[in-house]
Amino acid sequence: MKFLTSELIALDEAASDAASAIRAAGQLLAEAGAVESRYVEAMVASYEEKGPYFVLAPHIALPHAKPEDGVYEASLSLVRLQQPVAFGHPKNDPVELVFALGASSSEEHIQMLRKLTTLLNNPAHVQQLKEAASPEDIQHLLHESNQ
């Protein structure tokens, strides 16, 4: 399981639209060897077909595709956008934090979603994610939130 390890975090990435934001977050998973590159395009295709159903909360998106689209390992990356991007969600736009989920059918997948939910349910943690100066700051926050 790869959960927001430092190589899976990119801060202040430029993205012109939702698709490029999804690709940026997905690319981190591919570069870490957690998913095949086709999984990244499957996430974009899912967004284009189904709309912004994964914009879960104000400013937060969790794009994903099916495990059979090329997931090697349950994984989660984060891209914080330099400028928030509209995904087309009526309430939660614009998106600033994009968590790409390498969805697997394993128990690890459920554990990962629990950890993310715990983190994002605390407004102070969301604010810290928006303000973190480095991936290491986010690692520190994750360590603290899992105590």
N, C-alpha and C. Protein backbone atom coordinates (compact mmCIF):
# COMPACT_ATOMS: atom_id res chain seq x y z
N MET A 1 0.86 -1.18 0.00
CA MET A 1 0.00 0.00 0.00
C MET A 1 0.90 1.24 0.00
N LYS A 2 0.59 2.16 -0.92
CA LYS A 2 1.34 3.42 -0.99
C LYS A 2 0.36 4.55 -0.68
N PHE A 3 0.46 5.10 0.51
CA PHE A 3 -0.48 6.12 0.97
C PHE A 3 0.25 7.44 1.18
N LEU A 4 0.14 8.34 0.22
CA LEU A 4 0.69 9.69 0.32
C LEU A 4 2.14 9.70 0.79
N THR A 5 2.96 8.79 0.22
CA THR A 5 4.39 8.85 0.48
C THR A 5 4.94 10.09 -0.23
N SER A 6 6.13 10.53 0.15
CA SER A 6 6.59 11.83 -0.38
C SER A 6 6.67 11.87 -1.90
N GLU A 7 6.98 10.72 -2.56
CA GLU A 7 7.02 10.75 -4.03
C GLU A 7 5.63 10.79 -4.64
N LEU A 8 4.60 10.61 -3.81
CA LEU A 8 3.21 10.67 -4.29
C LEU A 8 2.54 12.00 -3.95
N ILE A 9 3.35 13.00 -3.60
CA ILE A 9 2.80 14.32 -3.27
C ILE A 9 3.48 15.37 -4.14
N ALA A 10 2.68 16.19 -4.81
CA ALA A 10 3.21 17.31 -5.59
C ALA A 10 2.44 18.56 -5.20
N LEU A 11 3.16 19.59 -4.84
CA LEU A 11 2.53 20.82 -4.36
C LEU A 11 2.63 21.92 -5.40
N ASP A 12 1.54 22.66 -5.54
CA ASP A 12 1.48 23.84 -6.40
C ASP A 12 1.75 23.51 -7.87
N GLU A 13 1.11 22.43 -8.32
CA GLU A 13 1.16 22.03 -9.73
C GLU A 13 0.23 22.93 -10.54
N ALA A 14 0.66 23.24 -11.75
CA ALA A 14 -0.19 24.01 -12.65
C ALA A 14 -1.09 23.04 -13.42
N ALA A 15 -2.37 23.35 -13.50
CA ALA A 15 -3.31 22.55 -14.31
C ALA A 15 -4.31 23.52 -14.91
N SER A 16 -4.56 23.37 -16.20
CA SER A 16 -5.46 24.31 -16.88
C SER A 16 -6.92 23.87 -16.79
N ASP A 17 -7.14 22.57 -16.52
CA ASP A 17 -8.51 22.06 -16.48
C ASP A 17 -8.54 20.79 -15.64
N ALA A 18 -9.74 20.23 -15.47
CA ALA A 18 -9.91 19.05 -14.63
C ALA A 18 -9.09 17.88 -15.16
N ALA A 19 -9.10 17.65 -16.46
CA ALA A 19 -8.37 16.51 -17.03
C ALA A 19 -6.87 16.61 -16.74
N SER A 20 -6.30 17.80 -16.89
CA SER A 20 -4.86 17.92 -16.62
C SER A 20 -4.56 17.78 -15.13
N ALA A 21 -5.49 18.18 -14.27
CA ALA A 21 -5.32 17.99 -12.82
C ALA A 21 -5.35 16.50 -12.48
N ILE A 22 -6.29 15.76 -13.08
CA ILE A 22 -6.38 14.32 -12.86
C ILE A 22 -5.12 13.63 -13.36
N ARG A 23 -4.66 14.02 -14.54
CA ARG A 23 -3.44 13.41 -15.10
C ARG A 23 -2.23 13.67 -14.20
N ALA A 24 -2.12 14.87 -13.65
CA ALA A 24 -0.98 15.19 -12.79
C ALA A 24 -0.96 14.27 -11.57
N ALA A 25 -2.12 14.09 -10.95
CA ALA A 25 -2.19 13.22 -9.76
C ALA A 25 -1.98 11.76 -10.15
N GLY A 26 -2.56 11.35 -11.27
CA GLY A 26 -2.42 9.97 -11.72
C GLY A 26 -1.00 9.63 -12.13
N GLN A 27 -0.32 10.59 -12.73
CA GLN A 27 1.06 10.38 -13.17
C GLN A 27 1.97 10.03 -11.99
N LEU A 28 1.70 10.64 -10.84
CA LEU A 28 2.49 10.32 -9.65
C LEU A 28 2.36 8.84 -9.31
N LEU A 29 1.13 8.30 -9.41
CA LEU A 29 0.91 6.87 -9.14
C LEU A 29 1.67 6.01 -10.16
N ALA A 30 1.61 6.41 -11.43
CA ALA A 30 2.29 5.64 -12.48
C ALA A 30 3.81 5.67 -12.28
N GLU A 31 4.35 6.85 -11.98
CA GLU A 31 5.80 6.97 -11.79
C GLU A 31 6.29 6.17 -10.59
N ALA A 32 5.43 5.99 -9.59
CA ALA A 32 5.79 5.21 -8.40
C ALA A 32 5.60 3.71 -8.63
N GLY A 33 5.09 3.33 -9.81
CA GLY A 33 4.91 1.92 -10.11
C GLY A 33 3.67 1.30 -9.48
N ALA A 34 2.74 2.14 -9.01
CA ALA A 34 1.53 1.62 -8.37
C ALA A 34 0.42 1.32 -9.37
N VAL A 35 0.44 2.00 -10.52
CA VAL A 35 -0.56 1.78 -11.57
C VAL A 35 0.13 1.81 -12.94
N GLU A 36 -0.54 1.24 -13.94
CA GLU A 36 -0.08 1.36 -15.32
C GLU A 36 -0.47 2.74 -15.83
N SER A 37 0.23 3.22 -16.84
CA SER A 37 -0.10 4.55 -17.39
C SER A 37 -1.53 4.57 -17.94
N ARG A 38 -2.04 3.44 -18.43
CA ARG A 38 -3.42 3.43 -18.96
C ARG A 38 -4.45 3.72 -17.86
N TYR A 39 -4.09 3.46 -16.61
CA TYR A 39 -5.01 3.76 -15.50
C TYR A 39 -5.27 5.27 -15.42
N VAL A 40 -4.23 6.06 -15.67
CA VAL A 40 -4.36 7.52 -15.62
C VAL A 40 -5.41 7.97 -16.64
N GLU A 41 -5.32 7.43 -17.86
CA GLU A 41 -6.28 7.81 -18.90
C GLU A 41 -7.67 7.27 -18.58
N ALA A 42 -7.74 6.12 -17.89
CA ALA A 42 -9.04 5.57 -17.49
C ALA A 42 -9.72 6.50 -16.47
N MET A 43 -8.92 7.13 -15.60
CA MET A 43 -9.49 8.09 -14.64
C MET A 43 -10.07 9.29 -15.39
N VAL A 44 -9.34 9.79 -16.37
CA VAL A 44 -9.81 10.93 -17.17
C VAL A 44 -11.08 10.54 -17.92
N ALA A 45 -11.08 9.35 -18.52
CA ALA A 45 -12.26 8.87 -19.27
C ALA A 45 -13.47 8.74 -18.35
N SER A 46 -13.25 8.27 -17.13
CA SER A 46 -14.34 8.14 -16.16
C SER A 46 -14.94 9.51 -15.84
N TYR A 47 -14.07 10.49 -15.66
CA TYR A 47 -14.54 11.86 -15.42
C TYR A 47 -15.33 12.38 -16.62
N GLU A 48 -14.79 12.15 -17.82
CA GLU A 48 -15.46 12.66 -19.03
C GLU A 48 -16.82 11.98 -19.25
N GLU A 49 -16.94 10.71 -18.87
CA GLU A 49 -18.19 9.98 -19.05
C GLU A 49 -19.22 10.29 -17.96
N LYS A 50 -18.74 10.34 -16.71
CA LYS A 50 -19.67 10.38 -15.57
C LYS A 50 -19.73 11.73 -14.87
N GLY A 51 -18.86 12.64 -15.23
CA GLY A 51 -18.86 13.94 -14.59
C GLY A 51 -18.11 13.94 -13.27
N PRO A 52 -18.29 15.01 -12.49
CA PRO A 52 -17.47 15.22 -11.29
C PRO A 52 -18.03 14.54 -10.04
N TYR A 53 -18.49 13.28 -10.18
CA TYR A 53 -19.07 12.57 -9.04
C TYR A 53 -18.07 12.38 -7.90
N PHE A 54 -16.77 12.44 -8.21
CA PHE A 54 -15.74 12.19 -7.19
C PHE A 54 -15.24 13.49 -6.53
N VAL A 55 -15.91 14.61 -6.80
CA VAL A 55 -15.58 15.84 -6.08
C VAL A 55 -16.40 15.76 -4.78
N LEU A 56 -15.73 15.24 -3.74
CA LEU A 56 -16.41 14.74 -2.55
C LEU A 56 -16.76 15.80 -1.52
N ALA A 57 -16.01 16.87 -1.53
CA ALA A 57 -16.16 17.91 -0.52
C ALA A 57 -15.66 19.20 -1.14
N PRO A 58 -15.94 20.34 -0.50
CA PRO A 58 -15.44 21.59 -1.08
C PRO A 58 -13.93 21.53 -1.34
N HIS A 59 -13.56 21.78 -2.59
CA HIS A 59 -12.15 21.89 -3.02
C HIS A 59 -11.40 20.56 -3.06
N ILE A 60 -12.09 19.42 -2.91
CA ILE A 60 -11.41 18.13 -2.82
C ILE A 60 -11.98 17.14 -3.84
N ALA A 61 -11.10 16.57 -4.66
CA ALA A 61 -11.50 15.55 -5.64
C ALA A 61 -10.72 14.26 -5.38
N LEU A 62 -11.38 13.13 -5.64
CA LEU A 62 -10.78 11.81 -5.47
C LEU A 62 -11.00 10.99 -6.75
N PRO A 63 -10.34 11.37 -7.85
CA PRO A 63 -10.53 10.60 -9.08
C PRO A 63 -9.96 9.19 -8.94
N HIS A 64 -10.59 8.26 -9.65
CA HIS A 64 -10.17 6.87 -9.63
C HIS A 64 -10.79 6.17 -10.83
N ALA A 65 -10.35 4.95 -11.09
CA ALA A 65 -10.95 4.11 -12.13
C ALA A 65 -11.06 2.71 -11.53
N LYS A 66 -11.34 1.74 -12.37
CA LYS A 66 -11.53 0.37 -11.88
C LYS A 66 -10.18 -0.34 -11.70
N PRO A 67 -10.10 -1.27 -10.73
CA PRO A 67 -8.84 -2.00 -10.54
C PRO A 67 -8.33 -2.65 -11.83
N GLU A 68 -9.25 -3.16 -12.65
CA GLU A 68 -8.83 -3.84 -13.88
C GLU A 68 -8.29 -2.88 -14.94
N ASP A 69 -8.36 -1.57 -14.68
CA ASP A 69 -7.79 -0.59 -15.60
C ASP A 69 -6.28 -0.44 -15.42
N GLY A 70 -5.68 -1.26 -14.55
CA GLY A 70 -4.22 -1.26 -14.46
C GLY A 70 -3.65 -0.87 -13.11
N VAL A 71 -4.25 -1.37 -12.02
CA VAL A 71 -3.72 -1.07 -10.68
C VAL A 71 -2.83 -2.23 -10.24
N TYR A 72 -1.61 -1.90 -9.85
CA TYR A 72 -0.70 -2.90 -9.28
C TYR A 72 -0.82 -2.97 -7.77
N GLU A 73 -1.11 -1.82 -7.16
CA GLU A 73 -1.06 -1.73 -5.70
C GLU A 73 -2.02 -0.63 -5.25
N ALA A 74 -2.73 -0.88 -4.15
CA ALA A 74 -3.58 0.15 -3.56
C ALA A 74 -2.69 1.37 -3.27
N SER A 75 -3.12 2.54 -3.73
CA SER A 75 -2.24 3.70 -3.64
C SER A 75 -3.06 4.99 -3.66
N LEU A 76 -2.44 6.04 -3.11
CA LEU A 76 -3.10 7.35 -3.09
C LEU A 76 -2.04 8.42 -3.26
N SER A 77 -2.28 9.32 -4.21
CA SER A 77 -1.38 10.46 -4.42
C SER A 77 -2.16 11.74 -4.16
N LEU A 78 -1.42 12.82 -4.02
CA LEU A 78 -2.03 14.14 -3.83
C LEU A 78 -1.33 15.16 -4.69
N VAL A 79 -2.12 15.90 -5.45
CA VAL A 79 -1.61 17.09 -6.14
C VAL A 79 -2.39 18.28 -5.59
N ARG A 80 -1.64 19.23 -5.06
CA ARG A 80 -2.26 20.50 -4.67
C ARG A 80 -2.03 21.45 -5.84
N LEU A 81 -3.13 21.99 -6.35
CA LEU A 81 -3.05 22.83 -7.54
C LEU A 81 -2.61 24.26 -7.17
N GLN A 82 -1.81 24.82 -8.06
CA GLN A 82 -1.36 26.21 -7.90
C GLN A 82 -2.56 27.14 -7.91
N GLN A 83 -3.44 26.91 -8.87
CA GLN A 83 -4.68 27.67 -8.99
C GLN A 83 -5.83 26.66 -9.01
N PRO A 84 -6.86 26.83 -8.16
CA PRO A 84 -7.98 25.89 -8.19
C PRO A 84 -8.62 25.82 -9.58
N VAL A 85 -9.17 24.64 -9.89
CA VAL A 85 -9.74 24.35 -11.20
C VAL A 85 -11.20 23.92 -11.04
N ALA A 86 -12.06 24.38 -11.93
CA ALA A 86 -13.46 23.96 -11.91
C ALA A 86 -13.58 22.56 -12.51
N PHE A 87 -14.25 21.67 -11.79
CA PHE A 87 -14.51 20.32 -12.28
C PHE A 87 -15.96 20.19 -12.75
N GLY A 88 -16.76 21.23 -12.51
CA GLY A 88 -18.16 21.17 -12.92
C GLY A 88 -19.09 20.68 -11.83
N HIS A 89 -18.62 20.68 -10.59
CA HIS A 89 -19.48 20.26 -9.48
C HIS A 89 -20.29 21.47 -8.99
N PRO A 90 -21.61 21.30 -8.80
CA PRO A 90 -22.44 22.47 -8.45
C PRO A 90 -22.11 23.10 -7.09
N LYS A 91 -21.59 22.32 -6.13
CA LYS A 91 -21.34 22.87 -4.80
C LYS A 91 -19.87 22.93 -4.40
N ASN A 92 -19.08 21.97 -4.86
CA ASN A 92 -17.73 21.80 -4.30
C ASN A 92 -16.60 22.37 -5.15
N ASP A 93 -16.93 22.99 -6.29
CA ASP A 93 -15.91 23.66 -7.10
C ASP A 93 -15.47 24.95 -6.43
N PRO A 94 -14.31 25.48 -6.77
CA PRO A 94 -13.27 24.85 -7.57
C PRO A 94 -12.45 23.89 -6.72
N VAL A 95 -11.77 22.96 -7.38
CA VAL A 95 -10.97 21.93 -6.71
C VAL A 95 -9.54 22.43 -6.56
N GLU A 96 -9.01 22.22 -5.36
CA GLU A 96 -7.61 22.59 -5.09
C GLU A 96 -6.76 21.37 -4.74
N LEU A 97 -7.37 20.38 -4.08
CA LEU A 97 -6.66 19.17 -3.66
C LEU A 97 -7.18 17.98 -4.47
N VAL A 98 -6.30 17.34 -5.25
CA VAL A 98 -6.68 16.21 -6.08
C VAL A 98 -5.96 14.97 -5.55
N PHE A 99 -6.72 14.05 -4.97
CA PHE A 99 -6.19 12.78 -4.47
C PHE A 99 -6.49 11.71 -5.51
N ALA A 100 -5.49 11.19 -6.19
CA ALA A 100 -5.73 10.11 -7.16
C ALA A 100 -5.65 8.78 -6.42
N LEU A 101 -6.69 7.98 -6.58
CA LEU A 101 -6.80 6.70 -5.89
C LEU A 101 -6.50 5.57 -6.85
N GLY A 102 -5.48 4.79 -6.53
CA GLY A 102 -5.23 3.55 -7.24
C GLY A 102 -6.12 2.51 -6.58
N ALA A 103 -7.32 2.35 -7.13
CA ALA A 103 -8.35 1.52 -6.49
C ALA A 103 -8.04 0.05 -6.69
N SER A 104 -7.94 -0.67 -5.59
CA SER A 104 -7.78 -2.12 -5.67
C SER A 104 -8.98 -2.74 -4.95
N SER A 105 -9.11 -4.03 -5.06
CA SER A 105 -10.23 -4.68 -4.39
C SER A 105 -9.79 -5.26 -3.06
N SER A 106 -8.65 -4.82 -2.57
CA SER A 106 -8.08 -5.42 -1.36
C SER A 106 -8.52 -4.70 -0.09
N GLU A 107 -8.23 -5.35 1.02
CA GLU A 107 -8.45 -4.76 2.34
C GLU A 107 -7.64 -3.47 2.48
N GLU A 108 -6.46 -3.43 1.85
CA GLU A 108 -5.62 -2.22 1.91
C GLU A 108 -6.36 -1.00 1.37
N HIS A 109 -7.14 -1.22 0.33
CA HIS A 109 -7.93 -0.15 -0.29
C HIS A 109 -8.87 0.46 0.75
N ILE A 110 -9.54 -0.38 1.50
CA ILE A 110 -10.49 0.09 2.52
C ILE A 110 -9.74 0.81 3.63
N GLN A 111 -8.61 0.26 4.06
CA GLN A 111 -7.79 0.93 5.09
C GLN A 111 -7.37 2.32 4.63
N MET A 112 -6.98 2.41 3.37
CA MET A 112 -6.53 3.69 2.81
C MET A 112 -7.65 4.72 2.82
N LEU A 113 -8.83 4.30 2.40
CA LEU A 113 -9.97 5.23 2.38
C LEU A 113 -10.34 5.66 3.80
N ARG A 114 -10.22 4.76 4.75
CA ARG A 114 -10.49 5.13 6.16
C ARG A 114 -9.51 6.20 6.62
N LYS A 115 -8.23 5.99 6.31
CA LYS A 115 -7.20 6.96 6.71
C LYS A 115 -7.47 8.32 6.08
N LEU A 116 -7.83 8.31 4.79
CA LEU A 116 -8.10 9.58 4.09
C LEU A 116 -9.33 10.26 4.69
N THR A 117 -10.37 9.50 4.96
CA THR A 117 -11.59 10.07 5.53
C THR A 117 -11.30 10.70 6.89
N THR A 118 -10.54 10.01 7.72
CA THR A 118 -10.17 10.54 9.03
C THR A 118 -9.43 11.87 8.87
N LEU A 119 -8.51 11.90 7.92
CA LEU A 119 -7.73 13.11 7.68
C LEU A 119 -8.63 14.27 7.22
N LEU A 120 -9.49 14.00 6.24
CA LEU A 120 -10.27 15.06 5.61
C LEU A 120 -11.49 15.49 6.44
N ASN A 121 -11.88 14.67 7.40
CA ASN A 121 -13.02 15.04 8.26
C ASN A 121 -12.66 16.17 9.22
N ASN A 122 -11.37 16.44 9.37
CA ASN A 122 -10.93 17.50 10.27
C ASN A 122 -10.60 18.75 9.44
N PRO A 123 -11.41 19.81 9.57
CA PRO A 123 -11.16 21.02 8.77
C PRO A 123 -9.75 21.60 8.97
N ALA A 124 -9.20 21.44 10.16
CA ALA A 124 -7.84 21.95 10.40
C ALA A 124 -6.83 21.19 9.55
N HIS A 125 -7.04 19.88 9.37
CA HIS A 125 -6.13 19.10 8.53
C HIS A 125 -6.23 19.54 7.07
N VAL A 126 -7.45 19.78 6.61
CA VAL A 126 -7.63 20.23 5.22
C VAL A 126 -6.89 21.56 5.02
N GLN A 127 -7.02 22.45 5.98
CA GLN A 127 -6.32 23.74 5.90
C GLN A 127 -4.80 23.52 5.87
N GLN A 128 -4.31 22.59 6.67
CA GLN A 128 -2.86 22.30 6.69
C GLN A 128 -2.41 21.74 5.35
N LEU A 129 -3.24 20.92 4.71
CA LEU A 129 -2.90 20.40 3.38
C LEU A 129 -2.78 21.55 2.38
N LYS A 130 -3.67 22.53 2.51
CA LYS A 130 -3.66 23.67 1.59
C LYS A 130 -2.45 24.59 1.82
N GLU A 131 -1.91 24.57 3.04
CA GLU A 131 -0.84 25.50 3.39
C GLU A 131 0.54 24.85 3.50
N ALA A 132 0.62 23.53 3.41
CA ALA A 132 1.90 22.83 3.62
C ALA A 132 2.97 23.38 2.68
N ALA A 133 4.17 23.54 3.22
CA ALA A 133 5.28 24.08 2.43
C ALA A 133 6.00 22.98 1.67
N SER A 134 5.86 21.72 2.10
CA SER A 134 6.62 20.63 1.48
C SER A 134 5.88 19.31 1.67
N PRO A 135 6.23 18.30 0.87
CA PRO A 135 5.67 16.96 1.09
C PRO A 135 5.96 16.45 2.51
N GLU A 136 7.11 16.83 3.05
CA GLU A 136 7.46 16.40 4.41
C GLU A 136 6.48 16.97 5.44
N ASP A 137 6.01 18.20 5.22
CA ASP A 137 5.00 18.77 6.13
C ASP A 137 3.74 17.91 6.12
N ILE A 138 3.37 17.43 4.94
CA ILE A 138 2.17 16.59 4.83
C ILE A 138 2.42 15.23 5.49
N GLN A 139 3.62 14.69 5.31
CA GLN A 139 3.97 13.43 5.99
C GLN A 139 3.83 13.59 7.50
N HIS A 140 4.30 14.70 8.02
CA HIS A 140 4.22 14.97 9.46
C HIS A 140 2.75 15.03 9.91
N LEU A 141 1.93 15.71 9.13
CA LEU A 141 0.50 15.81 9.44
C LEU A 141 -0.14 14.41 9.44
N LEU A 142 0.21 13.58 8.47
CA LEU A 142 -0.35 12.22 8.41
C LEU A 142 0.05 11.42 9.63
N HIS A 143 1.29 11.56 10.01
CA HIS A 143 1.78 10.84 11.19
C HIS A 143 1.01 11.26 12.44
N GLU A 144 0.80 12.57 12.58
CA GLU A 144 0.06 13.08 13.74
C GLU A 144 -1.40 12.65 13.72
N SER A 145 -2.02 12.67 12.54
CA SER A 145 -3.46 12.36 12.45
C SER A 145 -3.73 10.88 12.66
N ASN A 146 -2.70 10.04 12.56
CA ASN A 146 -2.90 8.60 12.75
C ASN A 146 -2.55 8.14 14.15
N GLN A 147 -2.30 9.07 15.05
CA GLN A 147 -1.96 8.69 16.43
C GLN A 147 -3.18 8.19 17.16
